C-alpha cells in the first residue's frame, strides 16, 4: 500500500500540460501588458494608416 502511494505521488504524466499552461498564461500576460502600454500609440498609427488608404 505504501509503495502504491509513493508511486502515485511520483507520477509526472500531467506535469508537462501544467507547465505549458503556465507558459501560455505568462505569454498572454506579457502580450496584454504590451498592448496596454502601446495602446495609444498603436491606435494613432492605425488611424494614420487607415486615413492614408
N, C-alpha and C. Protein backbone atom coordinates (compact mmCIF):
# COMPACT_ATOMS: atom_id res chain seq x y z
N UNK A 1 0.83 -1.19 0.00
CA UNK A 1 0.00 0.00 0.00
C UNK A 1 0.88 1.26 0.00
N UNK A 2 1.91 1.26 0.81
CA UNK A 2 2.81 2.41 0.90
C UNK A 2 3.53 2.65 -0.43
N UNK A 3 3.97 1.57 -1.07
CA UNK A 3 4.66 1.71 -2.36
C UNK A 3 3.71 2.27 -3.42
N UNK A 4 2.45 1.89 -3.35
CA UNK A 4 1.47 2.41 -4.30
C UNK A 4 1.29 3.92 -4.11
N UNK A 5 1.21 4.36 -2.87
CA UNK A 5 1.06 5.80 -2.61
C UNK A 5 2.28 6.59 -3.05
N UNK A 6 3.46 6.03 -2.82
CA UNK A 6 4.69 6.71 -3.25
C UNK A 6 4.73 6.79 -4.78
N UNK A 7 4.37 5.71 -5.45
CA UNK A 7 4.35 5.70 -6.91
C UNK A 7 3.30 6.69 -7.44
N UNK A 8 2.18 6.79 -6.75
CA UNK A 8 1.13 7.72 -7.16
C UNK A 8 1.58 9.16 -7.02
N UNK A 9 2.33 9.46 -5.99
CA UNK A 9 2.83 10.82 -5.77
C UNK A 9 3.96 11.18 -6.74
N UNK A 10 4.67 10.20 -7.24
CA UNK A 10 5.80 10.46 -8.13
C UNK A 10 5.42 10.50 -9.60
N UNK A 11 4.15 10.33 -9.92
CA UNK A 11 3.71 10.37 -11.32
C UNK A 11 3.91 11.76 -11.89
N UNK A 12 4.40 11.82 -13.12
CA UNK A 12 4.67 13.11 -13.75
C UNK A 12 3.95 13.23 -15.09
N UNK A 13 2.88 12.49 -15.28
CA UNK A 13 2.21 12.48 -16.57
C UNK A 13 1.54 13.81 -16.90
N UNK A 14 0.92 14.46 -15.95
CA UNK A 14 0.23 15.71 -16.21
C UNK A 14 1.09 16.93 -16.00
N UNK A 15 2.32 16.74 -15.64
CA UNK A 15 3.20 17.86 -15.32
C UNK A 15 3.50 18.70 -16.57
N UNK A 16 3.71 18.09 -17.71
CA UNK A 16 4.01 18.83 -18.94
C UNK A 16 2.86 19.75 -19.32
N UNK A 17 1.64 19.26 -19.20
CA UNK A 17 0.48 20.05 -19.55
C UNK A 17 0.36 21.27 -18.64
N UNK A 18 0.63 21.09 -17.37
CA UNK A 18 0.58 22.22 -16.44
C UNK A 18 1.66 23.24 -16.76
N UNK A 19 2.84 22.78 -17.12
CA UNK A 19 3.92 23.70 -17.47
C UNK A 19 3.59 24.48 -18.73
N UNK A 20 3.03 23.82 -19.74
CA UNK A 20 2.63 24.50 -20.96
C UNK A 20 1.55 25.54 -20.66
N UNK A 21 0.64 25.19 -19.79
CA UNK A 21 -0.42 26.13 -19.40
C UNK A 21 0.15 27.37 -18.73
N UNK A 22 1.14 27.18 -17.87
CA UNK A 22 1.77 28.32 -17.20
C UNK A 22 2.53 29.20 -18.19
N UNK A 23 3.20 28.58 -19.16
CA UNK A 23 3.92 29.36 -20.17
C UNK A 23 2.94 30.16 -21.01
N UNK A 24 1.83 29.56 -21.42
CA UNK A 24 0.83 30.27 -22.22
C UNK A 24 0.23 31.42 -21.43
N UNK A 25 -0.03 31.20 -20.15
CA UNK A 25 -0.57 32.27 -19.30
C UNK A 25 0.43 33.42 -19.18
N UNK A 26 1.71 33.11 -19.02
CA UNK A 26 2.73 34.15 -18.92
C UNK A 26 2.84 34.94 -20.21
N UNK A 27 2.81 34.26 -21.35
CA UNK A 27 2.87 34.96 -22.64
C UNK A 27 1.64 35.85 -22.81
N UNK A 28 0.47 35.37 -22.42
CA UNK A 28 -0.75 36.17 -22.52
C UNK A 28 -0.66 37.43 -21.66
N UNK A 29 -0.11 37.31 -20.46
CA UNK A 29 0.04 38.47 -19.58
C UNK A 29 0.99 39.48 -20.19
N UNK A 30 2.09 39.02 -20.77
CA UNK A 30 3.06 39.93 -21.41
C UNK A 30 2.43 40.63 -22.60
N UNK A 31 1.67 39.90 -23.42
CA UNK A 31 1.02 40.50 -24.58
C UNK A 31 0.00 41.54 -24.15
N UNK A 32 -0.79 41.23 -23.15
CA UNK A 32 -1.79 42.18 -22.66
C UNK A 32 -1.12 43.43 -22.10
N UNK A 33 -0.04 43.25 -21.36
CA UNK A 33 0.69 44.40 -20.81
C UNK A 33 1.29 45.26 -21.92
N UNK A 34 1.83 44.62 -22.95
CA UNK A 34 2.42 45.37 -24.07
C UNK A 34 1.35 46.13 -24.84
N UNK A 35 0.22 45.50 -25.08
CA UNK A 35 -0.85 46.18 -25.79
C UNK A 35 -1.44 47.33 -24.98
N UNK A 36 -1.49 47.16 -23.68
CA UNK A 36 -1.98 48.23 -22.82
C UNK A 36 -1.01 49.41 -22.83
N UNK A 37 0.28 49.11 -22.76
CA UNK A 37 1.29 50.17 -22.74
C UNK A 37 1.38 50.89 -24.08
N UNK A 38 1.20 50.16 -25.18
CA UNK A 38 1.34 50.74 -26.51
C UNK A 38 0.01 51.03 -27.17
N UNK A 39 -1.07 50.94 -26.42
CA UNK A 39 -2.41 51.08 -27.00
C UNK A 39 -2.63 52.40 -27.67
N UNK A 40 -2.26 53.52 -27.03
CA UNK A 40 -2.46 54.83 -27.62
C UNK A 40 -1.63 55.03 -28.86
N UNK A 41 -0.39 54.63 -28.82
CA UNK A 41 0.49 54.76 -29.99
C UNK A 41 0.00 53.89 -31.13
N UNK A 42 -0.41 52.69 -30.80
CA UNK A 42 -0.89 51.76 -31.83
C UNK A 42 -2.16 52.29 -32.49
N UNK A 43 -3.03 52.88 -31.70
CA UNK A 43 -4.26 53.45 -32.23
C UNK A 43 -3.95 54.61 -33.17
N UNK A 44 -2.99 55.45 -32.81
CA UNK A 44 -2.60 56.58 -33.66
C UNK A 44 -2.01 56.08 -34.98
N UNK A 45 -1.18 55.08 -34.93
CA UNK A 45 -0.56 54.53 -36.14
C UNK A 45 -1.61 53.92 -37.05
N UNK A 46 -2.52 53.14 -36.49
CA UNK A 46 -3.55 52.52 -37.31
C UNK A 46 -4.51 53.54 -37.90
N UNK A 47 -4.82 54.59 -37.16
CA UNK A 47 -5.67 55.66 -37.67
C UNK A 47 -4.98 56.38 -38.82
N UNK A 48 -3.68 56.60 -38.68
CA UNK A 48 -2.91 57.25 -39.73
C UNK A 48 -2.88 56.38 -40.99
N UNK A 49 -2.71 55.10 -40.83
CA UNK A 49 -2.68 54.18 -41.97
C UNK A 49 -4.04 54.13 -42.66
N UNK A 50 -5.10 54.04 -41.87
CA UNK A 50 -6.44 53.97 -42.47
C UNK A 50 -6.81 55.29 -43.14
N UNK A 51 -6.29 56.42 -42.64
CA UNK A 51 -6.56 57.72 -43.26
C UNK A 51 -5.86 57.87 -44.59
N UNK A 52 -4.70 57.27 -44.71
CA UNK A 52 -3.94 57.38 -45.96
C UNK A 52 -4.45 56.42 -47.03
N UNK A 53 -5.24 55.45 -46.64
CA UNK A 53 -5.79 54.49 -47.61
C UNK A 53 -7.01 55.12 -48.20
